[in-house]
N, C-alpha and C. Protein backbone atom coordinates (compact mmCIF):
# COMPACT_ATOMS: atom_id res chain seq x y z
N MET A 1 -35.48 -67.19 -1.62
CA MET A 1 -36.46 -66.25 -2.14
C MET A 1 -36.36 -64.93 -1.36
N ILE A 2 -36.36 -63.81 -2.11
CA ILE A 2 -36.20 -62.49 -1.47
C ILE A 2 -37.52 -62.07 -0.83
N PRO A 3 -37.48 -61.70 0.44
CA PRO A 3 -38.71 -61.26 1.11
C PRO A 3 -39.30 -60.03 0.41
N ARG A 4 -40.62 -59.90 0.56
CA ARG A 4 -41.30 -58.81 -0.12
C ARG A 4 -40.84 -57.44 0.38
N TYR A 5 -40.62 -57.30 1.70
CA TYR A 5 -40.25 -56.01 2.25
C TYR A 5 -38.90 -55.54 1.70
N GLN A 6 -37.97 -56.51 1.41
CA GLN A 6 -36.68 -56.15 0.84
C GLN A 6 -36.84 -55.66 -0.59
N LYS A 7 -37.78 -56.28 -1.34
CA LYS A 7 -38.04 -55.81 -2.69
C LYS A 7 -38.57 -54.38 -2.68
N ILE A 8 -39.50 -54.12 -1.74
CA ILE A 8 -40.06 -52.77 -1.64
C ILE A 8 -38.98 -51.76 -1.27
N LEU A 9 -38.13 -52.12 -0.29
CA LEU A 9 -37.05 -51.24 0.13
C LEU A 9 -36.09 -50.95 -1.02
N PHE A 10 -35.74 -52.00 -1.79
CA PHE A 10 -34.85 -51.84 -2.93
C PHE A 10 -35.47 -50.89 -3.96
N PHE A 11 -36.78 -51.06 -4.21
CA PHE A 11 -37.47 -50.22 -5.18
C PHE A 11 -37.48 -48.76 -4.72
N VAL A 12 -37.72 -48.53 -3.44
CA VAL A 12 -37.74 -47.16 -2.89
C VAL A 12 -36.36 -46.51 -3.02
N LEU A 13 -35.31 -47.28 -2.69
CA LEU A 13 -33.95 -46.75 -2.78
C LEU A 13 -33.58 -46.44 -4.23
N LEU A 14 -34.01 -47.29 -5.15
CA LEU A 14 -33.72 -47.06 -6.56
C LEU A 14 -34.38 -45.79 -7.05
N VAL A 15 -35.65 -45.61 -6.68
CA VAL A 15 -36.37 -44.39 -7.08
C VAL A 15 -35.69 -43.15 -6.48
N ALA A 16 -35.29 -43.24 -5.18
CA ALA A 16 -34.62 -42.11 -4.53
C ALA A 16 -33.31 -41.76 -5.22
N ALA A 17 -32.54 -42.80 -5.63
CA ALA A 17 -31.28 -42.56 -6.31
C ALA A 17 -31.50 -41.87 -7.65
N LEU A 18 -32.55 -42.32 -8.38
CA LEU A 18 -32.85 -41.70 -9.67
C LEU A 18 -33.27 -40.24 -9.51
N VAL A 19 -34.11 -40.01 -8.50
CA VAL A 19 -34.55 -38.62 -8.25
C VAL A 19 -33.36 -37.74 -7.87
N MET A 20 -32.48 -38.22 -6.99
CA MET A 20 -31.32 -37.45 -6.58
C MET A 20 -30.40 -37.16 -7.76
N GLY A 21 -30.22 -38.15 -8.62
CA GLY A 21 -29.39 -37.93 -9.81
C GLY A 21 -29.97 -36.86 -10.71
N ALA A 22 -31.30 -36.88 -10.87
CA ALA A 22 -31.95 -35.86 -11.70
C ALA A 22 -31.78 -34.47 -11.10
N VAL A 23 -31.91 -34.36 -9.76
CA VAL A 23 -31.74 -33.06 -9.10
C VAL A 23 -30.32 -32.55 -9.27
N LEU A 24 -29.35 -33.42 -9.07
CA LEU A 24 -27.95 -33.01 -9.22
C LEU A 24 -27.65 -32.56 -10.64
N TRP A 25 -28.19 -33.29 -11.62
CA TRP A 25 -27.97 -32.89 -13.02
C TRP A 25 -28.57 -31.52 -13.29
N HIS A 26 -29.77 -31.27 -12.72
CA HIS A 26 -30.43 -29.98 -12.91
C HIS A 26 -29.62 -28.86 -12.27
N LEU A 27 -29.11 -29.08 -11.06
CA LEU A 27 -28.29 -28.07 -10.38
C LEU A 27 -27.01 -27.79 -11.15
N ARG A 28 -26.41 -28.84 -11.72
CA ARG A 28 -25.18 -28.67 -12.50
C ARG A 28 -25.46 -27.80 -13.72
N GLN A 29 -26.60 -28.04 -14.39
CA GLN A 29 -26.94 -27.24 -15.57
C GLN A 29 -27.16 -25.78 -15.20
N ARG A 30 -27.82 -25.54 -14.07
CA ARG A 30 -28.05 -24.15 -13.64
C ARG A 30 -26.74 -23.46 -13.32
N ALA A 31 -25.82 -24.16 -12.66
CA ALA A 31 -24.52 -23.57 -12.34
C ALA A 31 -23.75 -23.26 -13.61
N HIS A 32 -23.83 -24.16 -14.59
CA HIS A 32 -23.14 -23.94 -15.86
C HIS A 32 -23.70 -22.71 -16.57
N GLN A 33 -25.01 -22.54 -16.55
CA GLN A 33 -25.64 -21.38 -17.19
C GLN A 33 -25.24 -20.08 -16.49
N ARG A 34 -25.16 -20.11 -15.16
CA ARG A 34 -24.73 -18.92 -14.43
C ARG A 34 -23.30 -18.57 -14.77
N LEU A 35 -22.45 -19.59 -14.92
CA LEU A 35 -21.05 -19.34 -15.27
C LEU A 35 -20.94 -18.69 -16.64
N LEU A 36 -21.73 -19.20 -17.60
CA LEU A 36 -21.70 -18.62 -18.93
C LEU A 36 -22.22 -17.19 -18.91
N ALA A 37 -23.25 -16.94 -18.11
CA ALA A 37 -23.80 -15.59 -18.01
C ALA A 37 -22.79 -14.64 -17.40
N GLY A 38 -22.02 -15.15 -16.39
CA GLY A 38 -20.99 -14.31 -15.78
C GLY A 38 -19.90 -13.96 -16.76
N GLU A 39 -19.52 -14.91 -17.62
CA GLU A 39 -18.49 -14.64 -18.61
C GLU A 39 -18.98 -13.62 -19.63
N ASP A 40 -20.27 -13.71 -19.99
CA ASP A 40 -20.80 -12.78 -20.98
C ASP A 40 -20.87 -11.37 -20.44
N SER A 41 -21.13 -11.25 -19.11
CA SER A 41 -21.28 -9.92 -18.53
C SER A 41 -19.96 -9.34 -18.04
N ALA A 42 -18.87 -10.10 -18.11
CA ALA A 42 -17.58 -9.60 -17.64
C ALA A 42 -17.11 -8.46 -18.53
N PRO A 43 -16.47 -7.43 -17.94
CA PRO A 43 -16.02 -6.30 -18.76
C PRO A 43 -14.93 -6.74 -19.73
N THR A 44 -15.03 -6.22 -20.95
CA THR A 44 -14.04 -6.56 -21.97
C THR A 44 -12.98 -5.48 -22.10
N LYS A 45 -13.25 -4.30 -21.52
CA LYS A 45 -12.28 -3.21 -21.61
C LYS A 45 -11.30 -3.28 -20.44
N ALA A 46 -10.08 -2.90 -20.70
CA ALA A 46 -9.07 -2.87 -19.64
C ALA A 46 -9.41 -1.74 -18.67
N PRO A 47 -9.11 -1.90 -17.37
CA PRO A 47 -9.39 -0.85 -16.41
C PRO A 47 -8.59 0.41 -16.73
N LEU A 48 -9.17 1.56 -16.36
CA LEU A 48 -8.48 2.82 -16.62
C LEU A 48 -7.23 2.92 -15.77
N VAL A 49 -6.17 3.46 -16.35
CA VAL A 49 -4.91 3.65 -15.66
C VAL A 49 -4.76 5.13 -15.35
N ALA A 50 -4.29 5.44 -14.15
CA ALA A 50 -4.11 6.84 -13.77
C ALA A 50 -3.13 7.52 -14.72
N PRO A 51 -3.39 8.75 -15.11
CA PRO A 51 -2.49 9.45 -16.03
C PRO A 51 -1.17 9.81 -15.35
N ASP A 52 -0.14 9.91 -16.15
CA ASP A 52 1.17 10.30 -15.62
C ASP A 52 1.14 11.77 -15.21
N GLU A 53 1.72 12.04 -14.06
CA GLU A 53 1.89 13.40 -13.58
C GLU A 53 3.30 13.53 -13.03
N GLN A 54 3.74 14.76 -12.87
CA GLN A 54 5.08 14.97 -12.31
C GLN A 54 5.02 14.87 -10.80
N ALA A 55 5.83 14.01 -10.25
CA ALA A 55 5.97 13.86 -8.81
C ALA A 55 7.34 14.37 -8.39
N THR A 56 7.42 14.85 -7.16
CA THR A 56 8.68 15.38 -6.64
C THR A 56 9.14 14.51 -5.48
N LEU A 57 10.35 14.00 -5.59
CA LEU A 57 10.93 13.17 -4.54
C LEU A 57 12.05 13.93 -3.85
N LEU A 58 12.16 13.76 -2.56
CA LEU A 58 13.27 14.32 -1.80
C LEU A 58 14.19 13.15 -1.46
N VAL A 59 15.27 13.02 -2.21
CA VAL A 59 16.12 11.83 -2.17
C VAL A 59 17.33 12.05 -1.29
N ALA A 60 17.57 11.11 -0.39
CA ALA A 60 18.68 11.20 0.55
C ALA A 60 19.98 10.70 -0.08
N ASN A 61 21.08 11.29 0.39
CA ASN A 61 22.42 10.89 -0.05
C ASN A 61 23.29 10.72 1.18
N ASP A 62 23.75 9.48 1.41
CA ASP A 62 24.55 9.20 2.61
C ASP A 62 25.93 9.84 2.56
N ALA A 63 26.46 10.09 1.37
CA ALA A 63 27.83 10.59 1.24
C ALA A 63 27.99 11.96 1.87
N ASP A 64 27.00 12.83 1.66
CA ASP A 64 27.10 14.18 2.22
C ASP A 64 25.93 14.55 3.12
N GLY A 65 25.05 13.60 3.40
CA GLY A 65 23.92 13.86 4.27
C GLY A 65 22.91 14.82 3.69
N SER A 66 22.82 14.89 2.37
CA SER A 66 21.94 15.86 1.73
C SER A 66 20.60 15.24 1.37
N LEU A 67 19.64 16.13 1.10
CA LEU A 67 18.32 15.77 0.58
C LEU A 67 18.14 16.53 -0.73
N THR A 68 18.06 15.80 -1.83
CA THR A 68 18.04 16.42 -3.16
C THR A 68 16.70 16.20 -3.83
N VAL A 69 16.22 17.25 -4.49
CA VAL A 69 14.95 17.16 -5.21
C VAL A 69 15.15 16.44 -6.53
N GLN A 70 14.29 15.45 -6.79
CA GLN A 70 14.27 14.75 -8.07
C GLN A 70 12.84 14.69 -8.57
N ALA A 71 12.66 14.94 -9.86
CA ALA A 71 11.34 14.89 -10.49
C ALA A 71 11.16 13.55 -11.16
N ARG A 72 9.95 13.02 -11.06
CA ARG A 72 9.60 11.75 -11.70
C ARG A 72 8.22 11.87 -12.33
N SER A 73 8.04 11.23 -13.49
CA SER A 73 6.72 11.16 -14.12
C SER A 73 6.10 9.83 -13.72
N LEU A 74 4.98 9.91 -12.97
CA LEU A 74 4.37 8.71 -12.42
C LEU A 74 2.86 8.72 -12.67
N PRO A 75 2.25 7.54 -12.79
CA PRO A 75 0.78 7.47 -12.83
C PRO A 75 0.24 7.66 -11.42
N LEU A 76 -0.31 8.83 -11.16
CA LEU A 76 -0.75 9.18 -9.82
C LEU A 76 -2.27 9.12 -9.72
N PRO A 77 -2.80 8.29 -8.83
CA PRO A 77 -4.26 8.22 -8.64
C PRO A 77 -4.79 9.51 -8.01
N ALA A 78 -6.09 9.73 -8.15
CA ALA A 78 -6.70 10.94 -7.62
C ALA A 78 -6.80 10.91 -6.09
N ASP A 79 -7.01 9.72 -5.53
CA ASP A 79 -7.15 9.61 -4.07
C ASP A 79 -5.84 10.01 -3.39
N PRO A 80 -5.88 10.98 -2.46
CA PRO A 80 -4.64 11.46 -1.84
C PRO A 80 -3.85 10.38 -1.11
N GLY A 81 -4.54 9.48 -0.41
CA GLY A 81 -3.83 8.42 0.30
C GLY A 81 -3.11 7.48 -0.65
N ALA A 82 -3.80 7.11 -1.74
CA ALA A 82 -3.17 6.25 -2.74
C ALA A 82 -2.03 6.98 -3.45
N ARG A 83 -2.21 8.27 -3.70
CA ARG A 83 -1.15 9.07 -4.32
C ARG A 83 0.10 9.10 -3.43
N ALA A 84 -0.11 9.28 -2.15
CA ALA A 84 1.01 9.31 -1.21
C ALA A 84 1.76 7.99 -1.23
N ARG A 85 1.02 6.88 -1.28
CA ARG A 85 1.66 5.56 -1.29
C ARG A 85 2.48 5.35 -2.56
N VAL A 86 1.98 5.87 -3.70
CA VAL A 86 2.70 5.71 -4.95
C VAL A 86 4.02 6.47 -4.93
N VAL A 87 4.00 7.73 -4.48
CA VAL A 87 5.23 8.52 -4.50
C VAL A 87 6.24 7.99 -3.49
N LEU A 88 5.77 7.52 -2.34
CA LEU A 88 6.70 6.94 -1.37
C LEU A 88 7.25 5.62 -1.88
N GLY A 89 6.43 4.86 -2.60
CA GLY A 89 6.91 3.62 -3.20
C GLY A 89 8.01 3.89 -4.21
N GLU A 90 7.85 4.95 -5.01
CA GLU A 90 8.90 5.31 -5.97
C GLU A 90 10.18 5.73 -5.25
N LEU A 91 10.04 6.46 -4.16
CA LEU A 91 11.21 6.88 -3.38
C LEU A 91 11.96 5.66 -2.84
N LEU A 92 11.24 4.72 -2.24
CA LEU A 92 11.90 3.55 -1.66
C LEU A 92 12.42 2.60 -2.74
N ASP A 93 11.80 2.62 -3.92
CA ASP A 93 12.35 1.86 -5.04
C ASP A 93 13.73 2.38 -5.43
N LEU A 94 13.89 3.71 -5.39
CA LEU A 94 15.21 4.30 -5.69
C LEU A 94 16.25 3.82 -4.69
N TYR A 95 15.86 3.76 -3.42
CA TYR A 95 16.79 3.34 -2.37
C TYR A 95 17.17 1.86 -2.48
N SER A 96 16.32 1.06 -3.11
CA SER A 96 16.60 -0.37 -3.20
C SER A 96 17.40 -0.75 -4.45
N GLN A 97 17.67 0.23 -5.31
CA GLN A 97 18.42 -0.06 -6.53
C GLN A 97 19.91 -0.23 -6.24
N PRO A 98 20.61 -1.05 -7.04
CA PRO A 98 22.05 -1.20 -6.86
C PRO A 98 22.76 0.14 -7.05
N GLY A 99 23.70 0.43 -6.17
CA GLY A 99 24.45 1.68 -6.27
C GLY A 99 23.70 2.90 -5.78
N ALA A 100 22.60 2.70 -5.05
CA ALA A 100 21.83 3.84 -4.54
C ALA A 100 22.66 4.68 -3.59
N ALA A 101 22.45 5.99 -3.63
CA ALA A 101 23.18 6.90 -2.74
C ALA A 101 22.74 6.74 -1.29
N HIS A 102 21.58 6.17 -1.09
CA HIS A 102 21.06 5.90 0.27
C HIS A 102 20.47 4.49 0.25
N PRO A 103 21.32 3.48 0.32
CA PRO A 103 20.84 2.10 0.11
C PRO A 103 19.99 1.59 1.27
N VAL A 104 18.74 1.26 0.93
CA VAL A 104 17.82 0.65 1.89
C VAL A 104 17.01 -0.38 1.10
N SER A 105 16.95 -1.60 1.58
CA SER A 105 16.23 -2.64 0.84
C SER A 105 14.74 -2.58 1.14
N GLY A 106 13.97 -3.21 0.26
CA GLY A 106 12.53 -3.32 0.48
C GLY A 106 11.71 -2.76 -0.65
N GLY A 107 12.06 -1.57 -1.14
CA GLY A 107 11.34 -0.98 -2.26
C GLY A 107 9.91 -0.58 -1.91
N ALA A 108 9.10 -0.43 -2.96
CA ALA A 108 7.73 0.08 -2.81
C ALA A 108 6.87 -0.78 -1.89
N ALA A 109 7.14 -2.08 -1.84
CA ALA A 109 6.35 -2.98 -1.00
C ALA A 109 6.52 -2.67 0.49
N SER A 110 7.49 -1.84 0.84
CA SER A 110 7.73 -1.50 2.24
C SER A 110 6.70 -0.54 2.80
N VAL A 111 5.93 0.11 1.92
CA VAL A 111 4.87 1.03 2.37
C VAL A 111 3.56 0.27 2.32
N ALA A 112 3.06 -0.13 3.48
CA ALA A 112 1.82 -0.90 3.53
C ALA A 112 0.60 -0.01 3.27
N GLN A 113 0.51 1.09 3.97
CA GLN A 113 -0.59 2.05 3.79
C GLN A 113 -0.13 3.44 4.16
N VAL A 114 -0.86 4.43 3.67
CA VAL A 114 -0.70 5.82 4.11
C VAL A 114 -2.10 6.35 4.41
N PHE A 115 -2.32 6.78 5.66
CA PHE A 115 -3.60 7.32 6.06
C PHE A 115 -3.46 8.83 6.25
N LEU A 116 -4.44 9.58 5.80
CA LEU A 116 -4.44 11.04 5.96
C LEU A 116 -5.55 11.44 6.93
N LEU A 117 -5.17 12.15 7.98
CA LEU A 117 -6.10 12.58 9.02
C LEU A 117 -5.94 14.08 9.25
N PRO A 118 -6.92 14.73 9.86
CA PRO A 118 -6.74 16.15 10.21
C PRO A 118 -5.54 16.30 11.14
N ALA A 119 -4.71 17.29 10.86
CA ALA A 119 -3.51 17.51 11.68
C ALA A 119 -3.90 18.03 13.06
N GLN A 120 -3.05 17.74 14.02
CA GLN A 120 -3.27 18.23 15.37
C GLN A 120 -3.17 19.75 15.37
N GLY A 121 -4.21 20.41 15.91
CA GLY A 121 -4.22 21.87 15.96
C GLY A 121 -4.45 22.53 14.62
N ALA A 122 -5.01 21.79 13.65
CA ALA A 122 -5.18 22.35 12.31
C ALA A 122 -6.11 23.57 12.32
N LYS A 123 -7.17 23.53 13.13
CA LYS A 123 -8.14 24.63 13.15
C LYS A 123 -7.51 25.94 13.60
N ASP A 124 -6.49 25.84 14.42
CA ASP A 124 -5.86 27.05 14.94
C ASP A 124 -4.62 27.45 14.14
N SER A 125 -4.31 26.69 13.09
CA SER A 125 -3.11 26.97 12.31
C SER A 125 -3.45 27.83 11.10
N ALA A 126 -2.40 28.23 10.37
CA ALA A 126 -2.60 29.04 9.17
C ALA A 126 -3.28 28.25 8.08
N ASP A 127 -3.18 26.93 8.12
CA ASP A 127 -3.81 26.06 7.13
C ASP A 127 -4.85 25.20 7.83
N PRO A 128 -6.12 25.58 7.79
CA PRO A 128 -7.15 24.78 8.47
C PRO A 128 -7.35 23.40 7.86
N ASP A 129 -6.83 23.21 6.64
CA ASP A 129 -6.93 21.91 5.98
C ASP A 129 -5.68 21.05 6.20
N ALA A 130 -4.82 21.47 7.12
CA ALA A 130 -3.57 20.74 7.35
C ALA A 130 -3.87 19.29 7.74
N GLN A 131 -3.01 18.39 7.26
CA GLN A 131 -3.24 16.97 7.46
C GLN A 131 -2.06 16.30 8.15
N LEU A 132 -2.39 15.22 8.85
CA LEU A 132 -1.40 14.33 9.44
C LEU A 132 -1.36 13.07 8.59
N ALA A 133 -0.20 12.72 8.07
CA ALA A 133 -0.03 11.48 7.31
C ALA A 133 0.51 10.41 8.25
N VAL A 134 -0.19 9.30 8.31
CA VAL A 134 0.27 8.14 9.09
C VAL A 134 0.82 7.13 8.09
N VAL A 135 2.12 6.93 8.12
CA VAL A 135 2.80 6.03 7.18
C VAL A 135 3.03 4.69 7.87
N ASN A 136 2.39 3.66 7.35
CA ASN A 136 2.52 2.32 7.93
C ASN A 136 3.56 1.54 7.13
N LEU A 137 4.73 1.35 7.70
CA LEU A 137 5.80 0.60 7.05
C LEU A 137 5.73 -0.87 7.44
N THR A 138 6.40 -1.70 6.67
CA THR A 138 6.39 -3.14 6.97
C THR A 138 7.54 -3.49 7.93
N ALA A 139 7.33 -4.57 8.66
CA ALA A 139 8.36 -5.02 9.60
C ALA A 139 9.66 -5.42 8.90
N PRO A 140 9.62 -6.10 7.73
CA PRO A 140 10.88 -6.42 7.05
C PRO A 140 11.69 -5.18 6.67
N PHE A 141 11.01 -4.10 6.31
CA PHE A 141 11.72 -2.86 5.98
C PHE A 141 12.47 -2.34 7.20
N ALA A 142 11.79 -2.27 8.34
CA ALA A 142 12.43 -1.79 9.56
C ALA A 142 13.56 -2.72 10.00
N ALA A 143 13.34 -4.02 9.87
CA ALA A 143 14.35 -4.99 10.32
C ALA A 143 15.61 -4.94 9.47
N SER A 144 15.47 -4.61 8.19
CA SER A 144 16.63 -4.61 7.29
C SER A 144 17.24 -3.23 7.12
N HIS A 145 16.64 -2.21 7.71
CA HIS A 145 17.16 -0.85 7.53
C HIS A 145 18.53 -0.71 8.20
N PRO A 146 19.50 -0.10 7.53
CA PRO A 146 20.81 0.11 8.15
C PRO A 146 20.68 0.94 9.43
N SER A 147 21.39 0.52 10.45
CA SER A 147 21.33 1.20 11.73
C SER A 147 22.30 2.38 11.77
N GLY A 148 21.86 3.46 12.35
CA GLY A 148 22.69 4.65 12.47
C GLY A 148 21.81 5.88 12.51
N LEU A 149 22.14 6.83 13.38
CA LEU A 149 21.29 8.01 13.55
C LEU A 149 21.13 8.79 12.25
N GLU A 150 22.24 9.01 11.53
CA GLU A 150 22.14 9.83 10.33
C GLU A 150 21.35 9.13 9.22
N THR A 151 21.66 7.86 8.96
CA THR A 151 20.97 7.18 7.86
C THR A 151 19.48 6.99 8.15
N GLU A 152 19.13 6.71 9.40
CA GLU A 152 17.71 6.57 9.75
C GLU A 152 16.99 7.92 9.66
N THR A 153 17.65 8.98 10.13
CA THR A 153 17.05 10.31 10.06
C THR A 153 16.85 10.74 8.61
N LEU A 154 17.80 10.41 7.74
CA LEU A 154 17.65 10.76 6.33
C LEU A 154 16.45 10.06 5.71
N THR A 155 16.24 8.80 6.07
CA THR A 155 15.07 8.08 5.56
C THR A 155 13.79 8.76 6.00
N VAL A 156 13.70 9.08 7.28
CA VAL A 156 12.49 9.70 7.83
C VAL A 156 12.24 11.06 7.18
N LEU A 157 13.29 11.88 7.10
CA LEU A 157 13.12 13.22 6.54
C LEU A 157 12.81 13.17 5.05
N SER A 158 13.38 12.22 4.33
CA SER A 158 13.09 12.14 2.90
C SER A 158 11.64 11.74 2.66
N ILE A 159 11.12 10.89 3.53
CA ILE A 159 9.70 10.51 3.43
C ILE A 159 8.82 11.73 3.74
N CYS A 160 9.15 12.46 4.80
CA CYS A 160 8.36 13.64 5.17
C CYS A 160 8.40 14.69 4.07
N GLY A 161 9.61 14.95 3.52
CA GLY A 161 9.74 15.96 2.48
C GLY A 161 9.04 15.57 1.20
N THR A 162 9.07 14.29 0.86
CA THR A 162 8.38 13.82 -0.35
C THR A 162 6.87 13.96 -0.20
N LEU A 163 6.36 13.67 0.98
CA LEU A 163 4.92 13.85 1.21
C LEU A 163 4.53 15.32 1.09
N ARG A 164 5.31 16.19 1.67
CA ARG A 164 5.00 17.62 1.62
C ARG A 164 5.05 18.16 0.19
N ALA A 165 6.03 17.67 -0.61
CA ALA A 165 6.19 18.17 -1.97
C ALA A 165 5.02 17.78 -2.86
N ASN A 166 4.38 16.65 -2.57
CA ASN A 166 3.31 16.15 -3.43
C ASN A 166 1.91 16.35 -2.85
N LEU A 167 1.84 16.52 -1.55
CA LEU A 167 0.56 16.81 -0.89
C LEU A 167 0.79 17.98 0.06
N PRO A 168 0.68 19.20 -0.45
CA PRO A 168 1.07 20.38 0.34
C PRO A 168 0.35 20.53 1.67
N HIS A 169 -0.84 19.94 1.81
CA HIS A 169 -1.56 20.07 3.07
C HIS A 169 -1.02 19.16 4.17
N VAL A 170 -0.14 18.23 3.81
CA VAL A 170 0.44 17.34 4.82
C VAL A 170 1.52 18.11 5.58
N SER A 171 1.22 18.39 6.82
CA SER A 171 2.16 19.17 7.65
C SER A 171 2.81 18.33 8.74
N GLN A 172 2.23 17.17 9.04
CA GLN A 172 2.74 16.32 10.11
C GLN A 172 2.77 14.87 9.62
N VAL A 173 3.72 14.11 10.15
CA VAL A 173 3.86 12.70 9.77
C VAL A 173 4.13 11.87 11.01
N ARG A 174 3.43 10.75 11.11
CA ARG A 174 3.73 9.75 12.14
C ARG A 174 3.97 8.42 11.44
N PHE A 175 4.72 7.55 12.12
CA PHE A 175 5.10 6.28 11.53
C PHE A 175 4.62 5.12 12.39
N LEU A 176 4.13 4.09 11.70
CA LEU A 176 3.81 2.80 12.31
C LEU A 176 4.60 1.72 11.59
N VAL A 177 4.76 0.59 12.24
CA VAL A 177 5.40 -0.57 11.62
C VAL A 177 4.45 -1.75 11.80
N ASP A 178 3.96 -2.27 10.70
CA ASP A 178 2.94 -3.33 10.72
C ASP A 178 1.75 -2.94 11.59
N GLY A 179 1.36 -1.66 11.49
CA GLY A 179 0.18 -1.18 12.21
C GLY A 179 0.39 -0.91 13.68
N GLN A 180 1.62 -1.05 14.17
CA GLN A 180 1.90 -0.86 15.59
C GLN A 180 2.94 0.25 15.77
N GLN A 181 2.84 0.94 16.91
CA GLN A 181 3.86 1.93 17.22
C GLN A 181 5.17 1.23 17.58
N ARG A 182 6.26 1.78 17.09
CA ARG A 182 7.58 1.18 17.32
C ARG A 182 8.48 2.26 17.91
N PRO A 183 9.33 1.93 18.88
CA PRO A 183 10.16 2.97 19.51
C PRO A 183 11.07 3.70 18.53
N ASN A 184 11.66 2.96 17.60
CA ASN A 184 12.60 3.58 16.67
C ASN A 184 12.63 2.78 15.38
N LEU A 185 13.31 3.34 14.38
CA LEU A 185 13.35 2.68 13.09
C LEU A 185 14.30 1.50 13.10
N ALA A 186 15.57 1.77 13.39
CA ALA A 186 16.57 0.68 13.44
C ALA A 186 17.51 0.90 14.61
N GLY A 187 16.95 1.48 15.70
CA GLY A 187 17.75 1.70 16.89
C GLY A 187 17.99 3.15 17.24
N HIS A 188 17.66 4.08 16.33
CA HIS A 188 17.99 5.47 16.57
C HIS A 188 16.84 6.44 16.29
N ALA A 189 16.38 6.53 15.06
CA ALA A 189 15.34 7.52 14.71
C ALA A 189 14.05 7.23 15.48
N ASP A 190 13.61 8.22 16.23
CA ASP A 190 12.44 8.07 17.11
C ASP A 190 11.16 7.97 16.26
N LEU A 191 10.41 6.88 16.42
CA LEU A 191 9.15 6.72 15.70
C LEU A 191 7.93 6.93 16.60
N THR A 192 8.16 7.41 17.83
CA THR A 192 7.03 7.69 18.71
C THR A 192 6.58 9.14 18.60
N ARG A 193 7.35 9.97 17.94
CA ARG A 193 7.04 11.39 17.85
C ARG A 193 6.33 11.72 16.54
N THR A 194 5.78 12.93 16.49
CA THR A 194 5.19 13.46 15.27
C THR A 194 6.20 14.35 14.59
N TYR A 195 6.50 14.06 13.32
CA TYR A 195 7.46 14.85 12.55
C TYR A 195 6.74 15.96 11.79
N LEU A 196 7.39 17.11 11.69
CA LEU A 196 6.87 18.23 10.91
C LEU A 196 7.50 18.21 9.53
N THR A 197 6.66 18.24 8.51
CA THR A 197 7.21 18.20 7.15
C THR A 197 8.00 19.46 6.82
N ALA A 198 7.73 20.56 7.54
CA ALA A 198 8.46 21.79 7.30
C ALA A 198 9.94 21.66 7.66
N ASP A 199 10.27 20.65 8.48
CA ASP A 199 11.67 20.44 8.87
C ASP A 199 12.45 19.68 7.80
N ALA A 200 11.75 19.12 6.82
CA ALA A 200 12.41 18.33 5.77
C ALA A 200 12.60 19.23 4.57
N VAL A 201 13.72 19.92 4.53
CA VAL A 201 13.99 20.85 3.42
C VAL A 201 15.15 20.34 2.58
N PRO A 202 15.11 20.59 1.27
CA PRO A 202 16.22 20.16 0.42
C PRO A 202 17.52 20.85 0.81
N THR A 203 18.60 20.10 0.78
CA THR A 203 19.91 20.67 1.08
C THR A 203 20.84 20.57 -0.13
N GLY A 204 20.30 20.04 -1.23
CA GLY A 204 21.06 19.94 -2.48
C GLY A 204 20.20 20.39 -3.63
N GLY A 205 20.83 20.77 -4.73
CA GLY A 205 20.09 21.22 -5.91
C GLY A 205 19.36 20.11 -6.60
N PRO A 206 18.41 20.45 -7.48
CA PRO A 206 17.67 19.44 -8.22
C PRO A 206 18.59 18.60 -9.09
N THR A 207 18.25 17.31 -9.21
CA THR A 207 19.00 16.41 -10.08
C THR A 207 18.05 15.77 -11.06
N PRO A 208 18.52 15.38 -12.22
CA PRO A 208 17.63 14.77 -13.21
C PRO A 208 17.13 13.41 -12.76
């Protein structure tokens, strides 16, 4: 014969289980309703895409050591930092293509961020709005970059010239690799210094 206290305990546990099941079912229904409400309120329109604008790239050529102007039609965002990243991504995409005149692997993904800051001595310069662009490259890009003073310098100058062509207030450029200062790009081009975009001038005529 089952003792009375065990019957009472069993009855209490049964009631608790039923109550817990009812609470869980209620919570499940509320979660389902919130999910449906979220789907109903989700935007149905596609996000706006930045309009195409003409961008100017300063493209390096290893054969003659030149920097040539090339025009590209690109969707350029209004934010200057994002715009800088887009044009530099297009430049590095050119370098990663088969048969590139300045072959460097990595493409657009090699530019992690571009930060724009007031340039050093901007208040005392002819352009009080002068900016310093901090270009944060990825470690795989630096690790795979061909070593050599000329080829590394061409990469650096083409980046500086492309920034100046598309953001005229950028007068200085510094480079980071994965957010850290690095002595050089691939053994030669100094990445501890500040580069002047005025030093990156085209040495070849425009190309289509």
